[in-house]
Amino acid sequence: MTLTLYGIPNCDTVKKARNYLEARSLGYHFHDYKKAGVTAADLERWSDVVGWEKLLNKAGTTFKKLPDADKADIDLAKAIALMVANPSMIKRPVVEGGKALLVGFKEPEWDALLSQN
C-alpha cells in the first residue's frame, strides 16, 4: 500500500505522524501543502468520506484571522474554497492510501486503520 501524507513540514503533528510511519516502516510520499498546494478535487473526495467539518481547522490561527464574513455561513463549497486558498486551514495531517483516510493524528485510530491495509 502506498500512503500519501499531506501536511506542512514544520507542523508538530505532522512530525509525529511522520515518525509514526517511519517507526513502523510504512512507506509514504510527503505532499507539502506550502509547496504543492491542494486541489479542490482532493478536498471534495476527502469531504465525501469524513465531511468538510472535520477537514476545516477552525481552531487554527489562519482561520481565526479571517474576516467575520469569511467565517460566516460556511458550507461545503465555501469550506473548500477557503482551504484551497489557505492550506494551513486544513486539519493536519491527512493520510490517504488503500482504504485509509485519516485526518489528524490519533495513534489508536491510526493503529486500527493502518493495520487493516
Protein backbone atom coordinates (compact mmCIF):
# COMPACT_ATOMS: atom_id res chain seq x y z
CA MET A 1 0.00 0.00 0.00
CA THR A 2 1.27 3.43 -0.91
CA LEU A 3 0.41 6.20 1.52
CA THR A 4 0.44 9.92 0.89
CA LEU A 5 0.85 12.16 3.90
CA TYR A 6 -0.42 15.69 3.29
CA GLY A 7 0.75 18.48 5.52
CA ILE A 8 3.28 21.17 6.35
CA PRO A 9 6.82 20.10 7.25
CA ASN A 10 7.25 22.25 10.38
CA CYS A 11 3.90 21.24 11.93
CA ASP A 12 4.48 19.29 15.17
CA THR A 13 1.55 16.96 14.49
CA VAL A 14 2.85 16.20 11.01
CA LYS A 15 6.27 15.44 12.52
CA LYS A 16 4.63 12.98 14.96
CA ALA A 17 2.79 11.32 12.08
CA ARG A 18 5.96 11.02 10.01
CA ASN A 19 7.79 9.48 12.99
CA TYR A 20 4.89 7.06 13.49
CA LEU A 21 5.00 5.90 9.86
CA GLU A 22 8.80 5.61 9.80
CA ALA A 23 8.90 3.67 13.10
CA ARG A 24 6.56 1.10 11.54
CA SER A 25 8.40 1.00 8.22
CA LEU A 26 5.31 2.25 6.42
CA GLY A 27 6.47 3.93 3.24
CA TYR A 28 4.81 7.18 2.28
CA HIS A 29 5.04 10.11 -0.06
CA PHE A 30 5.01 13.53 1.64
CA HIS A 31 2.85 16.18 -0.05
CA ASP A 32 3.80 19.63 1.19
CA TYR A 33 0.81 21.99 1.06
CA LYS A 34 3.08 25.03 1.15
CA LYS A 35 4.97 23.98 -1.98
CA ALA A 36 2.44 21.90 -3.93
CA GLY A 37 -0.88 23.28 -2.69
CA VAL A 38 -4.01 21.18 -2.59
CA THR A 39 -6.72 20.68 -5.17
CA ALA A 40 -10.43 21.19 -4.77
CA ALA A 41 -10.86 17.64 -6.12
CA ASP A 42 -8.77 16.23 -3.24
CA LEU A 43 -10.76 18.21 -0.68
CA GLU A 44 -14.08 17.15 -2.21
CA ARG A 45 -13.01 13.48 -2.20
CA TRP A 46 -11.93 13.70 1.44
CA SER A 47 -15.09 15.59 2.39
CA ASP A 48 -17.18 12.79 0.90
CA VAL A 49 -15.54 10.42 3.39
CA VAL A 50 -15.05 12.47 6.57
CA GLY A 51 -17.06 15.66 6.00
CA TRP A 52 -15.70 19.14 5.41
CA GLU A 53 -16.29 19.97 9.07
CA LYS A 54 -13.52 17.57 10.10
CA LEU A 55 -11.11 18.90 7.45
CA LEU A 56 -11.52 22.61 8.18
CA ASN A 57 -9.43 23.56 11.20
CA LYS A 58 -11.44 26.33 12.83
CA ALA A 59 -9.18 26.30 15.89
CA GLY A 60 -6.10 27.42 13.98
CA THR A 61 -4.66 30.90 13.74
CA THR A 62 -5.23 31.17 9.99
CA PHE A 63 -8.97 30.61 10.35
CA LYS A 64 -9.26 32.89 13.37
CA LYS A 65 -7.62 35.75 11.45
CA LEU A 66 -10.21 35.61 8.65
CA PRO A 67 -12.72 38.43 8.37
CA ASP A 68 -16.04 37.59 10.06
CA ALA A 69 -17.77 37.48 6.66
CA ASP A 70 -15.48 34.66 5.54
CA LYS A 71 -16.19 32.70 8.74
CA ALA A 72 -19.97 33.03 8.42
CA ASP A 73 -22.35 30.65 6.64
CA ILE A 74 -19.74 28.04 5.75
CA ASP A 75 -20.93 25.18 3.59
CA LEU A 76 -19.02 22.59 1.55
CA ALA A 77 -18.26 24.91 -1.37
CA LYS A 78 -17.10 27.77 0.85
CA ALA A 79 -15.02 25.46 3.05
CA ILE A 80 -13.25 24.01 0.03
CA ALA A 81 -12.57 27.47 -1.41
CA LEU A 82 -11.12 28.60 1.94
CA MET A 83 -8.89 25.51 2.23
CA VAL A 84 -7.63 25.76 -1.37
CA ALA A 85 -6.75 29.42 -0.81
CA ASN A 86 -5.28 28.76 2.66
CA PRO A 87 -3.96 25.18 3.00
CA SER A 88 -2.91 25.98 6.58
CA MET A 89 -6.64 25.76 7.42
CA ILE A 90 -6.71 22.03 6.67
CA LYS A 91 -6.52 19.86 9.78
CA ARG A 92 -3.19 18.09 9.69
CA PRO A 93 -2.08 15.64 8.72
CA VAL A 94 -4.25 13.97 6.12
CA VAL A 95 -3.10 10.46 5.19
CA GLU A 96 -4.57 8.67 2.22
CA GLY A 97 -3.81 5.25 0.79
CA GLY A 98 -5.57 1.99 0.12
CA LYS A 99 -8.79 2.08 2.10
CA ALA A 100 -7.31 4.51 4.62
CA LEU A 101 -8.19 8.16 5.03
CA LEU A 102 -7.02 9.67 8.28
CA VAL A 103 -7.40 13.29 9.36
CA GLY A 104 -5.39 14.45 12.34
CA PHE A 105 -3.10 12.23 14.36
CA LYS A 106 -4.54 9.91 16.97
CA GLU A 107 -2.31 6.89 17.37
CA PRO A 108 -5.03 4.35 18.33
CA GLU A 109 -7.10 5.38 15.29
CA TRP A 110 -4.04 5.08 13.05
CA ASP A 111 -3.16 1.67 14.53
CA ALA A 112 -6.67 0.37 13.86
CA LEU A 113 -6.96 1.62 10.30
CA LEU A 114 -3.42 1.14 9.02
CA SER A 115 -3.16 -2.41 10.35
CA GLN A 116 -6.14 -3.36 8.15
CA ASN A 117 -4.49 -2.23 4.90
